[in-house]
Amino acid sequence: MKKFVFVLYSKTMRPPDVRKEEMKKNMDKWMAWFATFKDKMVDGGNPFRNDAKSVTAEGIETILGDEWPAIGYTIINAKDMDEATKIAKGCPELESGGAVRVYEVMPI
């Protein structure tokens, strides 16, 4: 098995004041998706905060809400990229116009 990282993107930053009912409805979708590949789950991940930083040789800058902010990650095991992308196609973020970028981890 190979390891893959899903980096989740959204067209908009998440508001910090999401209603409890909306949050539960959203979490139910995520838990249902996770259940479809629980035997392949390495790390279910977590959402990212909105206040990210970019670190370069020139310095540190705050990442402002850009067009496609990264909002979280998930790590899975899969046979190959085809299997990983098939799993990613079920991500609830896609329902709201978001995206999942799938990266294969290169063992060293």
PDB file of N, CA and C in Angstrom:
ATOM      1  N   MET A   1       0.832  -1.185   0.000  1.00  0.00           N
ATOM      2  CA  MET A   1       0.000   0.000   0.000  1.00  0.00           C
ATOM      3  C   MET A   1       0.877   1.248   0.000  1.00  0.00           C
ATOM      4  N   LYS A   2       0.382   2.249  -0.675  1.00  0.00           N
ATOM      5  CA  LYS A   2       1.062   3.538  -0.703  1.00  0.00           C
ATOM      6  C   LYS A   2       0.273   4.511   0.162  1.00  0.00           C
ATOM      7  N   LYS A   3       0.933   5.575   0.577  1.00  0.00           N
ATOM      8  CA  LYS A   3       0.278   6.576   1.408  1.00  0.00           C
ATOM      9  C   LYS A   3      -0.023   7.808   0.552  1.00  0.00           C
ATOM     10  N   PHE A   4      -1.238   8.372   0.753  1.00  0.00           N
ATOM     11  CA  PHE A   4      -1.674   9.552   0.012  1.00  0.00           C
ATOM     12  C   PHE A   4      -2.213  10.593   0.980  1.00  0.00           C
ATOM     13  N   VAL A   5      -1.958  11.849   0.659  1.00  0.00           N
ATOM     14  CA  VAL A   5      -2.465  12.965   1.449  1.00  0.00           C
ATOM     15  C   VAL A   5      -3.488  13.710   0.599  1.00  0.00           C
ATOM     16  N   PHE A   6      -4.664  13.900   1.161  1.00  0.00           N
ATOM     17  CA  PHE A   6      -5.683  14.735   0.532  1.00  0.00           C
ATOM     18  C   PHE A   6      -5.568  16.114   1.164  1.00  0.00           C
ATOM     19  N   VAL A   7      -5.347  17.138   0.352  1.00  0.00           N
ATOM     20  CA  VAL A   7      -5.379  18.512   0.837  1.00  0.00           C
ATOM     21  C   VAL A   7      -6.683  19.102   0.321  1.00  0.00           C
ATOM     22  N   LEU A   8      -7.514  19.560   1.237  1.00  0.00           N
ATOM     23  CA  LEU A   8      -8.860  20.024   0.901  1.00  0.00           C
ATOM     24  C   LEU A   8      -8.866  21.534   0.711  1.00  0.00           C
ATOM     25  N   TYR A   9      -9.546  21.963  -0.341  1.00  0.00           N
ATOM     26  CA  TYR A   9      -9.634  23.389  -0.671  1.00  0.00           C
ATOM     27  C   TYR A   9     -11.084  23.816  -0.778  1.00  0.00           C
ATOM     28  N   SER A  10     -11.337  25.076  -0.440  1.00  0.00           N
ATOM     29  CA  SER A  10     -12.677  25.638  -0.538  1.00  0.00           C
ATOM     30  C   SER A  10     -12.595  26.964  -1.279  1.00  0.00           C
ATOM     31  N   LYS A  11     -13.684  27.358  -1.902  1.00  0.00           N
ATOM     32  CA  LYS A  11     -13.700  28.645  -2.594  1.00  0.00           C
ATOM     33  C   LYS A  11     -13.787  29.803  -1.614  1.00  0.00           C
ATOM     34  N   THR A  12     -14.218  29.528  -0.397  1.00  0.00           N
ATOM     35  CA  THR A  12     -14.335  30.577   0.614  1.00  0.00           C
ATOM     36  C   THR A  12     -13.837  30.071   1.954  1.00  0.00           C
ATOM     37  N   MET A  13     -13.365  30.983   2.779  1.00  0.00           N
ATOM     38  CA  MET A  13     -12.932  30.630   4.130  1.00  0.00           C
ATOM     39  C   MET A  13     -14.169  30.307   4.961  1.00  0.00           C
ATOM     40  N   ARG A  14     -14.020  29.440   5.918  1.00  0.00           N
ATOM     41  CA  ARG A  14     -15.121  29.057   6.785  1.00  0.00           C
ATOM     42  C   ARG A  14     -15.399  30.139   7.817  1.00  0.00           C
ATOM     43  N   PRO A  15     -16.662  30.520   7.988  1.00  0.00           N
ATOM     44  CA  PRO A  15     -16.971  31.495   9.041  1.00  0.00           C
ATOM     45  C   PRO A  15     -16.795  30.848  10.417  1.00  0.00           C
ATOM     46  N   PRO A  16     -16.289  31.593  11.387  1.00  0.00           N
ATOM     47  CA  PRO A  16     -16.066  31.006  12.719  1.00  0.00           C
ATOM     48  C   PRO A  16     -17.359  30.784  13.501  1.00  0.00           C
ATOM     49  N   ASP A  17     -18.460  31.365  13.066  1.00  0.00           N
ATOM     50  CA  ASP A  17     -19.705  31.300  13.829  1.00  0.00           C
ATOM     51  C   ASP A  17     -20.768  30.416  13.166  1.00  0.00           C
ATOM     52  N   VAL A  18     -20.371  29.231  12.739  1.00  0.00           N
ATOM     53  CA  VAL A  18     -21.303  28.302  12.106  1.00  0.00           C
ATOM     54  C   VAL A  18     -22.271  27.779  13.168  1.00  0.00           C
ATOM     55  N   ARG A  19     -23.549  27.735  12.838  1.00  0.00           N
ATOM     56  CA  ARG A  19     -24.567  27.241  13.775  1.00  0.00           C
ATOM     57  C   ARG A  19     -24.345  25.761  14.086  1.00  0.00           C
ATOM     58  N   LYS A  20     -24.716  25.354  15.299  1.00  0.00           N
ATOM     59  CA  LYS A  20     -24.520  23.971  15.735  1.00  0.00           C
ATOM     60  C   LYS A  20     -25.235  22.980  14.828  1.00  0.00           C
ATOM     61  N   GLU A  21     -26.445  23.312  14.396  1.00  0.00           N
ATOM     62  CA  GLU A  21     -27.204  22.398  13.538  1.00  0.00           C
ATOM     63  C   GLU A  21     -26.485  22.192  12.194  1.00  0.00           C
ATOM     64  N   GLU A  22     -25.982  23.282  11.658  1.00  0.00           N
ATOM     65  CA  GLU A  22     -25.269  23.213  10.381  1.00  0.00           C
ATOM     66  C   GLU A  22     -23.966  22.425  10.537  1.00  0.00           C
ATOM     67  N   MET A  23     -23.269  22.639  11.643  1.00  0.00           N
ATOM     68  CA  MET A  23     -22.017  21.935  11.898  1.00  0.00           C
ATOM     69  C   MET A  23     -22.269  20.429  12.025  1.00  0.00           C
ATOM     70  N   LYS A  24     -23.324  20.041  12.746  1.00  0.00           N
ATOM     71  CA  LYS A  24     -23.637  18.620  12.907  1.00  0.00           C
ATOM     72  C   LYS A  24     -23.999  17.986  11.569  1.00  0.00           C
ATOM     73  N   LYS A  25     -24.811  18.667  10.785  1.00  0.00           N
ATOM     74  CA  LYS A  25     -25.189  18.166   9.459  1.00  0.00           C
ATOM     75  C   LYS A  25     -23.941  17.956   8.598  1.00  0.00           C
ATOM     76  N   ASN A  26     -23.025  18.910   8.641  1.00  0.00           N
ATOM     77  CA  ASN A  26     -21.782  18.815   7.880  1.00  0.00           C
ATOM     78  C   ASN A  26     -20.912  17.663   8.391  1.00  0.00           C
ATOM     79  N   MET A  27     -20.792  17.537   9.718  1.00  0.00           N
ATOM     80  CA  MET A  27     -19.976  16.459  10.295  1.00  0.00           C
ATOM     81  C   MET A  27     -20.555  15.089   9.973  1.00  0.00           C
ATOM     82  N   ASP A  28     -21.867  14.972   9.923  1.00  0.00           N
ATOM     83  CA  ASP A  28     -22.495  13.702   9.555  1.00  0.00           C
ATOM     84  C   ASP A  28     -22.080  13.283   8.142  1.00  0.00           C
ATOM     85  N   LYS A  29     -22.000  14.242   7.221  1.00  0.00           N
ATOM     86  CA  LYS A  29     -21.560  13.949   5.850  1.00  0.00           C
ATOM     87  C   LYS A  29     -20.115  13.455   5.843  1.00  0.00           C
ATOM     88  N   TRP A  30     -19.269  14.129   6.637  1.00  0.00           N
ATOM     89  CA  TRP A  30     -17.861  13.736   6.699  1.00  0.00           C
ATOM     90  C   TRP A  30     -17.704  12.340   7.303  1.00  0.00           C
ATOM     91  N   MET A  31     -18.438  12.055   8.361  1.00  0.00           N
ATOM     92  CA  MET A  31     -18.342  10.743   9.003  1.00  0.00           C
ATOM     93  C   MET A  31     -18.834   9.639   8.066  1.00  0.00           C
ATOM     94  N   ALA A  32     -19.867   9.913   7.290  1.00  0.00           N
ATOM     95  CA  ALA A  32     -20.364   8.935   6.310  1.00  0.00           C
ATOM     96  C   ALA A  32     -19.310   8.681   5.242  1.00  0.00           C
ATOM     97  N   TRP A  33     -18.636   9.743   4.799  1.00  0.00           N
ATOM     98  CA  TRP A  33     -17.562   9.577   3.795  1.00  0.00           C
ATOM     99  C   TRP A  33     -16.411   8.774   4.391  1.00  0.00           C
ATOM    100  N   PHE A  34     -15.969   9.130   5.597  1.00  0.00           N
ATOM    101  CA  PHE A  34     -14.879   8.403   6.249  1.00  0.00           C
ATOM    102  C   PHE A  34     -15.217   6.912   6.376  1.00  0.00           C
ATOM    103  N   ALA A  35     -16.467   6.592   6.651  1.00  0.00           N
ATOM    104  CA  ALA A  35     -16.880   5.203   6.820  1.00  0.00           C
ATOM    105  C   ALA A  35     -16.700   4.400   5.531  1.00  0.00           C
ATOM    106  N   THR A  36     -16.697   5.055   4.373  1.00  0.00           N
ATOM    107  CA  THR A  36     -16.558   4.339   3.103  1.00  0.00           C
ATOM    108  C   THR A  36     -15.132   3.845   2.866  1.00  0.00           C
ATOM    109  N   PHE A  37     -14.164   4.371   3.636  1.00  0.00           N
ATOM    110  CA  PHE A  37     -12.776   3.910   3.459  1.00  0.00           C
ATOM    111  C   PHE A  37     -12.039   3.781   4.794  1.00  0.00           C
ATOM    112  N   LYS A  38     -12.785   3.460   5.857  1.00  0.00           N
ATOM    113  CA  LYS A  38     -12.187   3.412   7.191  1.00  0.00           C
ATOM    114  C   LYS A  38     -11.027   2.428   7.304  1.00  0.00           C
ATOM    115  N   ASP A  39     -11.036   1.362   6.517  1.00  0.00           N
ATOM    116  CA  ASP A  39      -9.943   0.395   6.557  1.00  0.00           C
ATOM    117  C   ASP A  39      -8.669   0.940   5.918  1.00  0.00           C
ATOM    118  N   LYS A  40      -8.759   2.051   5.200  1.00  0.00           N
ATOM    119  CA  LYS A  40      -7.607   2.662   4.540  1.00  0.00           C
ATOM    120  C   LYS A  40      -7.140   3.947   5.238  1.00  0.00           C
ATOM    121  N   MET A  41      -7.891   4.368   6.264  1.00  0.00           N
ATOM    122  CA  MET A  41      -7.602   5.623   6.957  1.00  0.00           C
ATOM    123  C   MET A  41      -6.304   5.530   7.750  1.00  0.00           C
ATOM    124  N   VAL A  42      -5.433   6.511   7.558  1.00  0.00           N
ATOM    125  CA  VAL A  42      -4.220   6.646   8.360  1.00  0.00           C
ATOM    126  C   VAL A  42      -4.439   7.748   9.387  1.00  0.00           C
ATOM    127  N   ASP A  43      -4.932   8.887   8.903  1.00  0.00           N
ATOM    128  CA  ASP A  43      -5.209  10.043   9.762  1.00  0.00           C
ATOM    129  C   ASP A  43      -6.389  10.785   9.146  1.00  0.00           C
ATOM    130  N   GLY A  44      -7.511  10.837   9.867  1.00  0.00           N
ATOM    131  CA  GLY A  44      -8.696  11.522   9.365  1.00  0.00           C
ATOM    132  C   GLY A  44      -8.472  13.006   9.163  1.00  0.00           C
ATOM    133  N   GLY A  45      -7.421  13.526   9.769  1.00  0.00           N
ATOM    134  CA  GLY A  45      -7.069  14.922   9.596  1.00  0.00           C
ATOM    135  C   GLY A  45      -7.897  15.848  10.462  1.00  0.00           C
ATOM    136  N   ASN A  46      -7.764  17.102  10.171  1.00  0.00           N
ATOM    137  CA  ASN A  46      -8.469  18.165  10.871  1.00  0.00           C
ATOM    138  C   ASN A  46      -8.599  19.346   9.933  1.00  0.00           C
ATOM    139  N   PRO A  47      -9.531  20.228  10.244  1.00  0.00           N
ATOM    140  CA  PRO A  47      -9.611  21.449   9.445  1.00  0.00           C
ATOM    141  C   PRO A  47      -8.453  22.380   9.809  1.00  0.00           C
ATOM    142  N   PHE A  48      -8.119  23.265   8.895  1.00  0.00           N
ATOM    143  CA  PHE A  48      -7.094  24.273   9.152  1.00  0.00           C
ATOM    144  C   PHE A  48      -7.758  25.554   9.646  1.00  0.00           C
ATOM    145  N   ARG A  49      -7.060  26.281  10.484  1.00  0.00           N
ATOM    146  CA  ARG A  49      -7.521  27.610  10.897  1.00  0.00           C
ATOM    147  C   ARG A  49      -7.368  28.563   9.710  1.00  0.00           C
ATOM    148  N   ASN A  50      -8.052  29.687   9.770  1.00  0.00           N
ATOM    149  CA  ASN A  50      -7.993  30.671   8.685  1.00  0.00           C
ATOM    150  C   ASN A  50      -6.739  31.527   8.706  1.00  0.00           C
ATOM    151  N   ASP A  51      -6.004  31.532   9.811  1.00  0.00           N
ATOM    152  CA  ASP A  51      -4.867  32.449   9.956  1.00  0.00           C
ATOM    153  C   ASP A  51      -3.524  31.755   9.693  1.00  0.00           C
ATOM    154  N   ALA A  52      -3.278  31.402   8.435  1.00  0.00           N
ATOM    155  CA  ALA A  52      -2.051  30.707   8.052  1.00  0.00           C
ATOM    156  C   ALA A  52      -0.915  31.699   7.771  1.00  0.00           C
ATOM    157  N   LYS A  53       0.299  31.200   7.765  1.00  0.00           N
ATOM    158  CA  LYS A  53       1.489  31.996   7.464  1.00  0.00           C
ATOM    159  C   LYS A  53       2.260  31.338   6.326  1.00  0.00           C
ATOM    160  N   SER A  54       2.901  32.151   5.529  1.00  0.00           N
ATOM    161  CA  SER A  54       3.790  31.685   4.466  1.00  0.00           C
ATOM    162  C   SER A  54       5.210  32.032   4.890  1.00  0.00           C
ATOM    163  N   VAL A  55       6.090  31.036   4.933  1.00  0.00           N
ATOM    164  CA  VAL A  55       7.469  31.248   5.353  1.00  0.00           C
ATOM    165  C   VAL A  55       8.378  31.023   4.149  1.00  0.00           C
ATOM    166  N   THR A  56       9.152  32.046   3.784  1.00  0.00           N
ATOM    167  CA  THR A  56      10.116  31.959   2.689  1.00  0.00           C
ATOM    168  C   THR A  56      11.446  32.520   3.182  1.00  0.00           C
ATOM    169  N   ALA A  57      12.465  32.452   2.352  1.00  0.00           N
ATOM    170  CA  ALA A  57      13.768  33.022   2.710  1.00  0.00           C
ATOM    171  C   ALA A  57      13.659  34.534   2.924  1.00  0.00           C
ATOM    172  N   GLU A  58      12.654  35.151   2.309  1.00  0.00           N
ATOM    173  CA  GLU A  58      12.482  36.605   2.425  1.00  0.00           C
ATOM    174  C   GLU A  58      11.759  37.015   3.700  1.00  0.00           C
ATOM    175  N   GLY A  59      11.096  36.062   4.365  1.00  0.00           N
ATOM    176  CA  GLY A  59      10.398  36.410   5.591  1.00  0.00           C
ATOM    177  C   GLY A  59       9.117  35.635   5.789  1.00  0.00           C
ATOM    178  N   ILE A  60       8.288  36.140   6.680  1.00  0.00           N
ATOM    179  CA  ILE A  60       7.028  35.492   7.042  1.00  0.00           C
ATOM    180  C   ILE A  60       5.887  36.455   6.727  1.00  0.00           C
ATOM    181  N   GLU A  61       4.873  35.942   6.036  1.00  0.00           N
ATOM    182  CA  GLU A  61       3.716  36.755   5.685  1.00  0.00           C
ATOM    183  C   GLU A  61       2.435  36.016   6.064  1.00  0.00           C
ATOM    184  N   THR A  62       1.414  36.768   6.408  1.00  0.00           N
ATOM    185  CA  THR A  62       0.104  36.185   6.660  1.00  0.00           C
ATOM    186  C   THR A  62      -0.529  35.841   5.324  1.00  0.00           C
ATOM    187  N   ILE A  63      -1.115  34.654   5.241  1.00  0.00           N
ATOM    188  CA  ILE A  63      -1.830  34.261   4.031  1.00  0.00           C
ATOM    189  C   ILE A  63      -3.254  34.776   4.169  1.00  0.00           C
ATOM    190  N   LEU A  64      -3.607  35.696   3.314  1.00  0.00           N
ATOM    191  CA  LEU A  64      -4.954  36.238   3.338  1.00  0.00           C
ATOM    192  C   LEU A  64      -5.881  35.268   2.633  1.00  0.00           C
ATOM    193  N   GLY A  65      -7.168  35.370   2.881  1.00  0.00           N
ATOM    194  CA  GLY A  65      -8.139  34.493   2.234  1.00  0.00           C
ATOM    195  C   GLY A  65      -8.002  34.592   0.722  1.00  0.00           C
ATOM    196  N   ASP A  66      -7.344  33.630   0.124  1.00  0.00           N
ATOM    197  CA  ASP A  66      -7.168  33.669  -1.322  1.00  0.00           C
ATOM    198  C   ASP A  66      -8.318  32.965  -2.022  1.00  0.00           C
ATOM    199  N   GLU A  67      -8.196  32.803  -3.327  1.00  0.00           N
ATOM    200  CA  GLU A  67      -9.274  32.207  -4.103  1.00  0.00           C
ATOM    201  C   GLU A  67      -9.558  30.761  -3.724  1.00  0.00           C
ATOM    202  N   TRP A  68      -8.538  30.003  -3.376  1.00  0.00           N
ATOM    203  CA  TRP A  68      -8.685  28.587  -3.030  1.00  0.00           C
ATOM    204  C   TRP A  68      -7.907  28.271  -1.763  1.00  0.00           C
ATOM    205  N   PRO A  69      -8.384  28.715  -0.599  1.00  0.00           N
ATOM    206  CA  PRO A  69      -7.638  28.425   0.623  1.00  0.00           C
ATOM    207  C   PRO A  69      -7.680  26.935   0.979  1.00  0.00           C
ATOM    208  N   ALA A  70      -6.539  26.427   1.453  1.00  0.00           N
ATOM    209  CA  ALA A  70      -6.504  25.053   1.981  1.00  0.00           C
ATOM    210  C   ALA A  70      -7.276  25.067   3.289  1.00  0.00           C
ATOM    211  N   ILE A  71      -8.188  24.108   3.457  1.00  0.00           N
ATOM    212  CA  ILE A  71      -9.030  24.105   4.662  1.00  0.00           C
ATOM    213  C   ILE A  71      -8.826  22.874   5.543  1.00  0.00           C
ATOM    214  N   GLY A  72      -8.034  21.893   5.088  1.00  0.00           N
ATOM    215  CA  GLY A  72      -7.810  20.719   5.913  1.00  0.00           C
ATOM    216  C   GLY A  72      -7.093  19.622   5.151  1.00  0.00           C
ATOM    217  N   TYR A  73      -6.947  18.465   5.806  1.00  0.00           N
ATOM    218  CA  TYR A  73      -6.237  17.343   5.199  1.00  0.00           C
ATOM    219  C   TYR A  73      -6.801  16.021   5.704  1.00  0.00           C
ATOM    220  N   THR A  74      -6.509  14.964   4.969  1.00  0.00           N
ATOM    221  CA  THR A  74      -6.786  13.585   5.362  1.00  0.00           C
ATOM    222  C   THR A  74      -5.663  12.739   4.773  1.00  0.00           C
ATOM    223  N   ILE A  75      -5.229  11.713   5.479  1.00  0.00           N
ATOM    224  CA  ILE A  75      -4.181  10.813   4.987  1.00  0.00           C
ATOM    225  C   ILE A  75      -4.748   9.400   4.917  1.00  0.00           C
ATOM    226  N   ILE A  76      -4.526   8.743   3.774  1.00  0.00           N
ATOM    227  CA  ILE A  76      -5.040   7.383   3.579  1.00  0.00           C
ATOM    228  C   ILE A  76      -3.947   6.472   3.024  1.00  0.00           C
ATOM    229  N   ASN A  77      -4.201   5.177   3.080  1.00  0.00           N
ATOM    230  CA  ASN A  77      -3.437   4.179   2.352  1.00  0.00           C
ATOM    231  C   ASN A  77      -4.286   3.753   1.164  1.00  0.00           C
ATOM    232  N   ALA A  78      -3.653   3.573   0.016  1.00  0.00           N
ATOM    233  CA  ALA A  78      -4.361   3.100  -1.166  1.00  0.00           C
ATOM    234  C   ALA A  78      -3.377   2.350  -2.059  1.00  0.00           C
ATOM    235  N   LYS A  79      -3.915   1.514  -2.920  1.00  0.00           N
ATOM    236  CA  LYS A  79      -3.095   0.708  -3.828  1.00  0.00           C
ATOM    237  C   LYS A  79      -2.309   1.610  -4.787  1.00  0.00           C
ATOM    238  N   ASP A  80      -2.996   2.633  -5.331  1.00  0.00           N
ATOM    239  CA  ASP A  80      -2.369   3.509  -6.316  1.00  0.00           C
ATOM    240  C   ASP A  80      -3.154   4.822  -6.399  1.00  0.00           C
ATOM    241  N   MET A  81      -2.699   5.719  -7.258  1.00  0.00           N
ATOM    242  CA  MET A  81      -3.334   7.025  -7.412  1.00  0.00           C
ATOM    243  C   MET A  81      -4.785   6.883  -7.868  1.00  0.00           C
ATOM    244  N   ASP A  82      -5.064   5.914  -8.717  1.00  0.00           N
ATOM    245  CA  ASP A  82      -6.442   5.724  -9.181  1.00  0.00           C
ATOM    246  C   ASP A  82      -7.380   5.422  -8.013  1.00  0.00           C
ATOM    247  N   GLU A  83      -6.961   4.529  -7.130  1.00  0.00           N
ATOM    248  CA  GLU A  83      -7.798   4.209  -5.977  1.00  0.00           C
ATOM    249  C   GLU A  83      -7.944   5.428  -5.059  1.00  0.00           C
ATOM    250  N   ALA A  84      -6.848   6.152  -4.847  1.00  0.00           N
ATOM    251  CA  ALA A  84      -6.895   7.333  -3.984  1.00  0.00           C
ATOM    252  C   ALA A  84      -7.833   8.401  -4.542  1.00  0.00           C
ATOM    253  N   THR A  85      -7.771   8.655  -5.851  1.00  0.00           N
ATOM    254  CA  THR A  85      -8.646   9.679  -6.433  1.00  0.00           C
ATOM    255  C   THR A  85     -10.103   9.222  -6.438  1.00  0.00           C
ATOM    256  N   LYS A  86     -10.330   7.930  -6.556  1.00  0.00           N
ATOM    257  CA  LYS A  86     -11.701   7.414  -6.483  1.00  0.00           C
ATOM    258  C   LYS A  86     -12.281   7.687  -5.093  1.00  0.00           C
ATOM    259  N   ILE A  87     -11.480   7.478  -4.058  1.00  0.00           N
ATOM    260  CA  ILE A  87     -11.919   7.769  -2.690  1.00  0.00           C
ATOM    261  C   ILE A  87     -12.159   9.274  -2.530  1.00  0.00           C
ATOM    262  N   ALA A  88     -11.253  10.086  -3.057  1.00  0.00           N
ATOM    263  CA  ALA A  88     -11.369  11.540  -2.935  1.00  0.00           C
ATOM    264  C   ALA A  88     -12.633  12.082  -3.593  1.00  0.00           C
ATOM    265  N   LYS A  89     -13.119  11.400  -4.622  1.00  0.00           N
ATOM    266  CA  LYS A  89     -14.326  11.858  -5.327  1.00  0.00           C
ATOM    267  C   LYS A  89     -15.559  11.893  -4.422  1.00  0.00           C
ATOM    268  N   GLY A  90     -15.527  11.192  -3.296  1.00  0.00           N
ATOM    269  CA  GLY A  90     -16.650  11.183  -2.372  1.00  0.00           C
ATOM    270  C   GLY A  90     -16.591  12.267  -1.300  1.00  0.00           C
ATOM    271  N   CYS A  91     -15.548  13.085  -1.322  1.00  0.00           N
ATOM    272  CA  CYS A  91     -15.357  14.100  -0.280  1.00  0.00           C
ATOM    273  C   CYS A  91     -16.519  15.096  -0.253  1.00  0.00           C
ATOM    274  N   PRO A  92     -17.101  15.343   0.919  1.00  0.00           N
ATOM    275  CA  PRO A  92     -18.218  16.278   1.031  1.00  0.00           C
ATOM    276  C   PRO A  92     -17.885  17.703   0.581  1.00  0.00           C
ATOM    277  N   GLU A  93     -16.633  18.088   0.623  1.00  0.00           N
ATOM    278  CA  GLU A  93     -16.259  19.443   0.215  1.00  0.00           C
ATOM    279  C   GLU A  93     -16.584  19.700  -1.258  1.00  0.00           C
ATOM    280  N   LEU A  94     -16.611  18.645  -2.057  1.00  0.00           N
ATOM    281  CA  LEU A  94     -16.908  18.798  -3.483  1.00  0.00           C
ATOM    282  C   LEU A  94     -18.331  19.290  -3.716  1.00  0.00           C
ATOM    283  N   GLU A  95     -19.238  18.974  -2.781  1.00  0.00           N
ATOM    284  CA  GLU A  95     -20.642  19.389  -2.908  1.00  0.00           C
ATOM    285  C   GLU A  95     -20.799  20.906  -2.893  1.00  0.00           C
ATOM    286  N   SER A  96     -19.873  21.604  -2.246  1.00  0.00           N
ATOM    287  CA  SER A  96     -19.981  23.064  -2.148  1.00  0.00           C
ATOM    288  C   SER A  96     -18.990  23.763  -3.075  1.00  0.00           C
ATOM    289  N   GLY A  97     -18.534  23.052  -4.108  1.00  0.00           N
ATOM    290  CA  GLY A  97     -17.646  23.669  -5.088  1.00  0.00           C
ATOM    291  C   GLY A  97     -16.180  23.627  -4.735  1.00  0.00           C
ATOM    292  N   GLY A  98     -15.832  22.906  -3.664  1.00  0.00           N
ATOM    293  CA  GLY A  98     -14.439  22.799  -3.250  1.00  0.00           C
ATOM    294  C   GLY A  98     -13.670  21.793  -4.091  1.00  0.00           C
ATOM    295  N   ALA A  99     -12.449  21.506  -3.675  1.00  0.00           N
ATOM    296  CA  ALA A  99     -11.581  20.595  -4.412  1.00  0.00           C
ATOM    297  C   ALA A  99     -10.735  19.785  -3.432  1.00  0.00           C
ATOM    298  N   VAL A 100     -10.269  18.640  -3.908  1.00  0.00           N
ATOM    299  CA  VAL A 100      -9.332  17.808  -3.157  1.00  0.00           C
ATOM    300  C   VAL A 100      -8.119  17.583  -4.048  1.00  0.00           C
ATOM    301  N   ARG A 101      -6.961  17.963  -3.561  1.00  0.00           N
ATOM    302  CA  ARG A 101      -5.718  17.650  -4.275  1.00  0.00           C
ATOM    303  C   ARG A 101      -5.130  16.418  -3.608  1.00  0.00           C
ATOM    304  N   VAL A 102      -4.771  15.443  -4.427  1.00  0.00           N
ATOM    305  CA  VAL A 102      -4.278  14.161  -3.932  1.00  0.00           C
ATOM    306  C   VAL A 102      -2.784  14.078  -4.213  1.00  0.00           C
ATOM    307  N   TYR A 103      -2.004  13.907  -3.156  1.00  0.00           N
ATOM    308  CA  TYR A 103      -0.550  13.796  -3.271  1.00  0.00           C
ATOM    309  C   TYR A 103      -0.114  12.426  -2.785  1.00  0.00           C
ATOM    310  N   GLU A 104       0.721  11.754  -3.563  1.00  0.00           N
ATOM    311  CA  GLU A 104       1.313  10.493  -3.100  1.00  0.00           C
ATOM    312  C   GLU A 104       2.544  10.815  -2.276  1.00  0.00           C
ATOM    313  N   VAL A 105       2.647  10.206  -1.102  1.00  0.00           N
ATOM    314  CA  VAL A 105       3.800  10.378  -0.244  1.00  0.00           C
ATOM    315  C   VAL A 105       4.950   9.548  -0.799  1.00  0.00           C
ATOM    316  N   MET A 106       6.114  10.166  -0.926  1.00  0.00           N
ATOM    317  CA  MET A 106       7.297   9.452  -1.431  1.00  0.00           C
ATOM    318  C   MET A 106       8.117   8.976  -0.246  1.00  0.00           C
ATOM    319  N   PRO A 107       8.132   7.660   0.009  1.00  0.00           N
ATOM    320  CA  PRO A 107       8.935   7.176   1.137  1.00  0.00           C
ATOM    321  C   PRO A 107      10.427   7.402   0.887  1.00  0.00           C
ATOM    322  N   ILE A 108      11.124   7.709   1.949  1.00  0.00           N
ATOM    323  CA  ILE A 108      12.575   7.961   1.824  1.00  0.00           C
ATOM    324  C   ILE A 108      13.323   6.831   2.503  1.00  0.00           C
TER     325      ILE A 108
END
